[in-house]
Protein backbone atom coordinates (compact mmCIF):
# COMPACT_ATOMS: atom_id res chain seq x y z
CA SER A 1 0.00 0.00 0.00
CA SER A 2 1.12 3.55 -0.68
CA LEU A 3 2.25 5.94 2.01
CA ALA A 4 0.90 8.74 -0.22
CA PHE A 5 3.11 11.51 1.10
CA GLY A 6 1.51 14.86 0.39
CA ARG A 7 3.01 17.74 -1.56
CA SER A 8 3.56 21.01 0.29
CA VAL A 9 3.02 24.14 -1.78
CA ASN A 10 3.25 26.78 0.95
CA ALA A 11 6.78 26.24 2.28
CA PRO A 12 10.07 24.76 1.03
CA MET A 13 9.80 21.99 3.65
CA GLU A 14 7.05 20.67 5.91
CA ALA A 15 7.19 18.01 8.64
CA SER A 16 4.39 15.48 9.12
CA LEU A 17 3.64 12.06 10.59
CA ALA A 18 3.06 9.18 8.18
CA ARG A 19 2.52 5.55 9.16
CA GLY A 20 4.53 5.73 12.35
CA THR A 21 7.40 7.81 10.95
CA LEU A 22 8.29 11.50 11.05
CA VAL A 23 8.99 12.78 7.55
CA VAL A 24 9.82 15.98 5.70
CA THR A 25 8.26 16.78 2.32
CA GLY A 26 7.84 19.87 0.16
CA PRO A 27 9.24 21.72 -2.86
CA ALA A 28 12.83 21.68 -1.58
CA VAL A 29 12.70 17.90 -1.30
CA GLU A 30 10.98 17.50 -4.67
CA ALA A 31 13.50 19.72 -6.47
CA VAL A 32 16.48 17.73 -5.23
CA ALA A 33 14.82 14.37 -5.86
CA GLN A 34 13.85 15.26 -9.42
CA ARG A 35 17.37 16.53 -10.04
CA TYR A 36 18.83 13.08 -9.34
CA ALA A 37 15.94 10.79 -10.32
CA ARG A 38 17.09 10.94 -13.95
CA PHE A 39 20.03 8.71 -13.00
CA VAL A 40 17.77 5.93 -11.65
CA SER A 41 16.06 3.41 -13.94
CA ASP A 42 12.29 3.32 -14.32
CA GLU A 43 12.34 -0.29 -13.07
CA ARG A 44 13.87 0.85 -9.79
CA ARG A 45 11.77 4.00 -9.46
CA GLU A 46 8.39 2.29 -9.90
CA PRO A 47 8.44 0.27 -6.62
CA ARG A 48 9.06 3.49 -4.71
CA VAL A 49 6.07 5.17 -6.36
CA GLN A 50 3.92 2.16 -5.49
CA ARG A 51 5.01 2.44 -1.86
CA ASP A 52 5.11 6.23 -1.38
CA GLY A 53 3.03 7.78 -4.13
CA ALA A 54 4.54 10.40 -6.41
CA ALA A 55 5.96 12.69 -3.72
CA PHE A 56 9.42 12.20 -2.25
CA HIS A 57 10.31 12.51 1.42
CA ILE A 58 13.11 12.57 4.00
CA THR A 59 12.65 10.31 7.01
CA LEU A 60 13.70 12.07 10.20
CA LEU A 61 12.56 9.44 12.70
CA PRO A 62 11.79 5.84 11.67
CA LYS A 63 9.21 3.49 13.08
CA GLY A 64 9.81 2.81 16.75
CA ALA A 65 11.43 6.18 17.47
CA LEU A 66 8.23 8.18 17.92
CA PRO A 67 6.73 8.74 21.39
CA SER A 68 3.53 6.83 22.09
CA GLY A 69 1.48 9.67 23.58
CA ALA A 70 -0.52 12.03 21.37
CA THR A 71 0.62 15.11 23.30
CA GLU A 72 4.27 14.13 23.01
CA ARG A 73 3.88 13.43 19.28
CA GLU A 74 2.32 16.82 18.68
CA ALA A 75 5.16 18.52 20.56
CA LEU A 76 7.67 16.55 18.50
CA LEU A 77 5.91 17.57 15.30
CA ASP A 78 6.00 21.23 16.33
CA GLU A 79 9.74 20.92 16.94
CA ALA A 80 10.25 19.30 13.54
CA ARG A 81 8.26 22.06 11.84
CA GLU A 82 10.46 24.66 13.47
CA LEU A 83 13.50 22.69 12.28
CA CYS A 84 12.16 22.94 8.71
CA ARG A 85 11.60 26.67 9.04
CA ALA A 86 14.91 27.49 10.71
CA SER A 87 17.41 25.31 8.82
CA ARG A 88 17.99 23.64 5.49
CA PHE A 89 19.83 20.80 3.86
CA VAL A 90 22.06 20.50 0.83
CA ALA A 91 22.32 17.54 -1.52
CA ILE A 92 25.79 16.01 -1.72
CA GLY A 93 25.20 13.50 -4.49
CA LEU A 94 23.70 10.21 -5.64
CA GLY A 95 24.30 7.17 -3.48
CA SER A 96 23.52 3.48 -3.73
CA GLN A 97 23.70 0.47 -1.47
CA GLY A 98 23.23 -3.23 -2.07
CA THR A 99 23.01 -6.60 -0.34
CA ARG A 100 24.47 -10.03 -0.97
CA GLY A 101 21.14 -10.97 -2.49
CA LYS A 102 21.86 -8.36 -5.16
CA LEU A 103 18.98 -6.13 -4.12
CA SER A 104 19.92 -2.47 -4.17
CA CYS A 105 18.52 0.99 -3.58
CA SER A 106 19.33 4.48 -4.84
CA PHE A 107 19.09 7.71 -2.86
CA VAL A 108 20.26 11.31 -2.60
CA ILE A 109 22.72 11.83 0.26
CA LEU A 110 22.05 14.96 2.31
CA LEU A 111 24.01 17.23 4.62
CA TRP A 112 21.69 18.69 7.27
CA PRO A 113 23.47 19.09 10.63
CA ALA A 114 20.46 20.58 12.43
CA ALA A 115 18.32 17.58 11.48
CA THR A 116 21.10 15.16 12.41
CA ALA A 117 21.18 16.73 15.87
CA PHE A 118 17.37 16.48 16.03
CA CYS A 119 17.52 12.77 15.18
CA ARG A 120 20.22 12.16 17.77
CA GLU A 121 18.23 13.99 20.44
CA HIS A 122 15.11 11.95 19.70
CA GLY A 123 16.58 8.47 19.71
CA ALA A 124 17.81 7.94 16.13
CA PRO A 125 21.54 8.77 16.35
CA GLY A 126 22.53 6.62 13.38
CA GLN A 127 20.00 8.08 10.95
CA ASP A 128 21.62 8.80 7.56
CA LEU A 129 19.54 11.61 6.08
CA HIS A 130 18.64 10.86 2.48
CA ILE A 131 15.88 10.93 -0.13
CA THR A 132 15.02 7.50 -1.51
CA LEU A 133 14.74 7.51 -5.31
CA GLY A 134 14.16 3.84 -6.05
CA PHE A 135 14.90 0.24 -5.15
CA ASP A 136 14.63 -3.37 -6.31
CA ARG A 137 11.36 -4.90 -5.06
CA HIS A 138 11.71 -3.44 -1.54
CA ASP A 139 13.76 -0.77 0.19
CA LEU A 140 16.82 -1.57 2.31
CA HIS A 141 16.53 -0.17 5.82
CA ASP A 142 19.39 -1.75 7.76
CA VAL A 143 22.22 -0.36 5.62
CA ARG A 144 24.19 2.87 5.68
CA LYS A 145 23.13 5.64 3.31
CA GLY A 146 25.78 8.25 3.99
CA PRO A 147 28.79 9.82 2.23
CA ARG A 148 30.67 6.52 1.98
CA GLN A 149 27.88 5.25 -0.26
CA LEU A 150 28.32 8.04 -2.83
CA GLU A 151 28.49 6.72 -6.38
CA PRO A 152 31.51 7.72 -8.49
CA LEU A 153 30.82 10.53 -10.90
CA PRO A 154 30.19 9.34 -14.48
CA ALA A 155 33.22 9.27 -16.76
CA ALA A 156 31.51 10.77 -19.82
CA PRO A 157 31.85 14.59 -19.70
CA ALA A 158 28.16 15.30 -20.41
CA ASP A 159 26.95 12.79 -17.81
CA ARG A 160 29.56 14.00 -15.33
CA ALA A 161 28.40 17.59 -15.72
CA ALA A 162 24.77 16.54 -15.23
CA ALA A 163 25.66 14.74 -11.98
CA LEU A 164 27.24 17.79 -10.37
CA PRO A 165 24.98 19.44 -7.76
CA ASP A 166 23.27 22.66 -8.78
CA TRP A 167 24.65 24.60 -5.82
CA ALA A 168 28.24 23.90 -6.90
CA ALA A 169 27.84 25.61 -10.28
CA GLY A 170 27.97 29.20 -9.01
CA ASP A 171 28.77 31.40 -6.06
CA GLU A 172 25.29 32.81 -5.39
CA ASP A 173 23.22 31.57 -2.46
CA ARG A 174 19.96 29.88 -3.43
CA LEU A 175 17.48 27.34 -2.15
CA GLU A 176 19.79 24.47 -3.05
CA GLY A 177 22.68 26.10 -1.17
CA SER A 178 26.02 27.54 -2.21
CA TRP A 179 29.69 26.81 -1.67
CA PRO A 180 29.87 29.07 1.42
CA SER A 181 26.72 27.59 2.93
CA VAL A 182 27.89 24.02 2.30
CA CYS A 183 31.23 24.76 3.97
CA ALA A 184 29.37 26.31 6.90
CA LEU A 185 27.11 23.26 7.21
CA LEU A 186 30.09 20.89 7.16
CA ASN A 187 31.76 23.00 9.85
CA ASP A 188 28.57 22.76 11.93
CA ALA A 189 28.49 18.99 11.42
CA ILE A 190 32.12 18.60 12.53
CA ALA A 191 31.54 20.72 15.62
CA SER A 192 28.32 18.98 16.68
CA THR A 193 29.28 15.32 16.26
CA GLY A 194 31.77 12.91 17.78
CA ARG A 195 34.64 10.88 16.41
CA ASP A 196 32.31 8.17 15.09
CA ALA A 197 30.97 10.64 12.50
CA HIS A 198 34.27 12.14 11.38
CA ASP A 199 35.17 9.37 8.92
CA GLU A 200 31.84 9.94 7.16
CA GLN A 201 32.51 13.68 7.09
CA LEU A 202 35.94 13.03 5.64
CA ALA A 203 34.33 11.03 2.82
CA LEU A 204 31.97 13.94 2.29
CA SER A 205 34.87 16.39 2.08
CA ASP A 206 36.55 14.08 -0.46
CA ARG A 207 33.53 14.49 -2.72
CA LEU A 208 33.46 18.26 -2.21
CA LEU A 209 37.07 18.41 -3.42
CA VAL A 210 36.04 16.45 -6.53
CA TYR A 211 33.35 19.06 -7.19
CA ALA A 212 35.87 21.83 -6.60
CA ASP A 213 38.26 20.27 -9.13
CA ALA A 214 35.45 20.12 -11.68
CA LEU A 215 34.03 23.59 -11.13
CA THR A 216 36.97 25.70 -9.86
CA PRO A 217 35.31 27.77 -7.12
CA PRO A 218 37.23 30.76 -5.69
CA ALA A 219 40.53 30.06 -3.93
CA ALA A 220 38.93 31.00 -0.61
CA ILE A 221 36.49 28.09 -0.96
CA ARG A 222 39.26 25.60 -1.67
CA ALA A 223 41.16 26.98 1.32
CA ARG A 224 38.06 26.50 3.45
CA LEU A 225 37.67 22.89 2.32
CA HIS A 226 41.28 22.09 3.18
CA ALA A 227 40.93 23.86 6.53
CA LEU A 228 37.88 21.71 7.31
CA ARG A 229 39.85 18.60 6.41
CA PHE A 230 42.62 19.85 8.70
CA GLN A 231 40.04 19.92 11.52
CA LEU A 232 38.85 16.41 10.74
CA PHE A 233 42.32 14.89 10.59
CA CYS A 234 43.20 16.60 13.88
CA LYS A 235 40.09 15.15 15.53
CA LEU A 236 40.99 11.71 14.16
CA GLY A 237 44.55 11.98 15.52
CA ARG A 238 46.10 11.90 12.03
CA GLU A 239 48.56 14.76 12.47
CA ARG A 240 50.64 14.22 9.34
CA GLU A 241 47.61 14.38 7.07
CA ALA A 242 46.26 17.34 9.05
CA LEU A 243 49.44 19.30 8.39
CA GLU A 244 49.33 18.42 4.69
CA GLU A 245 45.82 19.89 4.55
CA ALA A 246 47.00 22.99 6.43
CA GLU A 247 49.71 23.52 3.82
CA ARG A 248 47.20 23.15 1.00
CA ALA A 249 44.89 25.62 2.73
CA VAL A 250 47.51 28.34 3.16
CA GLN A 251 48.62 27.91 -0.45
CA GLN A 252 45.11 29.07 -1.36
CA ALA A 253 44.77 31.59 1.50
CA PRO A 254 48.30 32.77 2.43
CA HIS A 255 47.02 35.22 5.06
CA ASP A 256 45.26 32.73 7.34
CA ALA A 257 47.44 33.26 10.39
CA LYS A 258 45.04 31.44 12.72
CA LEU A 259 45.33 28.24 10.71
CA MET A 260 49.12 28.55 10.68
CA ALA A 261 49.10 28.96 14.46
CA ARG A 262 46.89 25.91 14.86
CA ALA A 263 49.23 23.91 12.63
CA GLY A 264 52.11 25.02 14.84
CA SER A 265 50.26 23.80 17.90
CA VAL A 266 49.71 20.41 16.24
CA CYS A 267 53.43 20.12 15.53
CA LYS A 268 54.28 21.05 19.11
CA ARG A 269 51.93 18.40 20.51
CA SER A 270 53.42 15.76 18.21
CA GLY A 271 56.98 16.68 19.27
CA ASP A 272 58.17 18.22 15.99
CA LEU A 273 59.41 21.43 17.55
CA GLN A 274 61.29 22.75 14.52
CA ALA A 275 58.19 22.45 12.35
CA ALA A 276 56.16 24.02 15.14
CA VAL A 277 58.41 27.08 15.25
CA ALA A 278 58.31 27.36 11.45
CA TRP A 279 54.50 27.37 11.38
CA LEU A 280 54.27 29.80 14.29
CA ARG A 281 56.77 32.19 12.66
CA ARG A 282 54.69 32.10 9.48
CA ALA A 283 51.65 33.08 11.54
CA GLN A 284 53.56 35.98 13.08
CA ALA A 285 54.61 37.24 9.66
CA VAL A 286 51.04 37.75 8.44
CA GLN A 287 50.08 41.42 8.54
CA GLY A 288 46.77 43.20 7.96
CA ASP A 289 43.63 41.18 7.20
CA GLY A 290 44.05 37.64 8.43
CA GLY A 291 46.72 38.59 10.94
CA LEU A 292 46.61 37.55 14.56
CA ALA A 293 44.68 39.44 17.19
CA ARG A 294 46.74 40.65 20.13
CA GLU A 295 45.78 37.79 22.43
CA ASP A 296 46.52 35.20 19.75
CA ALA A 297 49.83 36.87 18.91
CA GLU A 298 50.88 36.71 22.56
CA ARG A 299 49.97 33.03 22.72
CA VAL A 300 51.98 32.31 19.56
CA GLU A 301 55.01 34.08 20.99
CA THR A 302 54.71 32.01 24.17
CA LEU A 303 54.58 28.80 22.14
CA ILE A 304 57.65 29.81 20.15
CA VAL A 305 59.60 30.47 23.36
CA GLN A 306 58.54 27.11 24.79
CA CYS A 307 59.62 25.27 21.63
CA GLU A 308 62.95 27.05 21.27
CA ARG A 309 63.89 26.30 24.88
CA LYS A 310 63.61 22.60 24.10
CA LEU A 311 65.53 22.69 20.81
């Protein structure tokens, strides 16, 4: 039987309850789904239509995660509606997942930190936010549908161009997002999640770099991506790779003294005092925009003195 998710025409997104789940529908969801549905065969799309109706949806909370009381459910729905009004998602790309029985499903992988936090708060911490596009016979529910399940971009230039997300094609901010908003959302995701999520976020950043290579956004965006990867590698305890990302970032943004200072701190913690001093001196040398504030400059000088005493 069909879930028959409704179409919202009054807002980009709307939360509702449907057959024991909490879902998000609306024009923003439809636009992204239609953008990627072209890459999914009719044979795989038809079972989804039979189950859901024509409209697409994002599942926030699956069956079993909703409270049993009517009052609690209404309060949860109000919170989800506010989430839809106050935040937004961006589409990262087309993903797929399969089983040993050769059944598979196709979906759009989403970045939506506010909704991820909502899911975690309400008992669904492992929820991979996505839009199901199609599947073989039945959907797969006990599999991951996150950045590690991203499909490779097509090799043919025309198909490759069609698979790039709309938001990555320009620098203006729109409903689908923009490079700055995507970087900001990834930063929010890194800050609001634990180590168990950082590998997924690293896979996501890998794909963002692929998009950057294809579409050549401004140098400041590439610098931001590498700075975010620096954060992730630091959180994962992979100092060497973190410092490689810091170097790539400052090649694109040579006046980011704060990042240089952070790289120096990483070197100091890992015991490479000469490299630490080199990074910290680079931070000191930055003047004007991007230079260190007085408090940061004093801290950098203190770190240099500490390192040089041990050399």
